[in-house]
Amino acid sequence: MESYVNEFINYLSVERGLAQNTLESYGRDLRQFQIYLQSSQIDLLKDSNRNTILSYLSNLQSKGRAVSTISRNLAAIKSFYQYLVREHYVEKDPAANLESPKLEKKLPKILTIGEVEELLKQPNGLFPTGLRDKAMLELLYATGIRVSELISLNISDVNLDMGYIKCYGKGAKERIVPLGSIAARCVQDYITKGRQKLIRTYEEPALFVNHHGNRLTRQGFWKIIKKYAQEANIMKEITPHTLRHSFATHLLENGADLRSVQEMLGHADISTTQIYTHVTKNRLKEVYDKTHPRA
């Protein structure tokens, strides 16, 4: 089975252009399925069927795996069998009519506008790293891009005169995102006063670099935002996506339409964006309960 899995992962990479993290996730899940088949002495092409897959999912459940983990495993298995059918390795798809377990939708945690303002005040603009951190935080909140998209930005992807950035989302899809005047000014300050002191060579394409002059990593950014959250006395749990969630929610609260927010976030399906409407409804209910005399 391993050769089929490797072939499938290569197909996802070359033909569909999926991100490295997604490819690794597919690989991990399918190799766990492979171990299960081997331990049960089931041949992938000859013996596996609908009951095999259901038994595997039941096995995951008995081990206490989360619903989201089981759902992700099933999604990987379904895609894998679809590939095997398309390549004529198997005649029928045993996973064709299997439905994923229903996930409990967790509302994203967001910051209030006041908390965002406190967070954005923290970087010290007297230092190159402070200019960089200020530019990154302002850029994230101004555009709602993913952290992976932020750290992948090259200096050539930023057009400050026209007020937009060009980024590449999931599946290497390019999109143009508008940039506000404050974020544009902070990025300009970083480029002219900070970046040139951090880079080791003028050929460096990365927009945001660390103190070694190399492209900043996701882990590096995570440490940065955690540090500033502590300095701003924000007690909420902060993740790299916190500013993205806050960006979307604040836009909807102030009258932006769902389709525009979907486009800016780079969501392929508007149902993914709709989670933010639940957040705004919850916040309206909180306001009502706190302020209406007969609530």
Foldseek 3Di string as FASTA:
>chain_A
DVVLLVVLLVCCCPVQVFDPVLSVLLSVLVVVLVVLCVVVVADPAPGDALVSLVVVLVVCVVVVDDLVSSLSSLVSLQSSLVVCCVVPSHVDRRSVPPDRPDDDDDQDDADDPVLLVLLLPPQDLVALVSLLLNLLSLQCLFQLEAVVFLLPAFPVQDDLVVAWGWTADGSRDIDITGHDPVSSVSLVCSVVPRLVCQAPDPVQGTSHDDNVNHRADLVNSQVVSVVSSVVSVPPDDDDSNHSSLHSLLVCVLVPDDLVVNCRSHVPPDSVVSCSSVVVNVVVVVVVCVVPPPVD
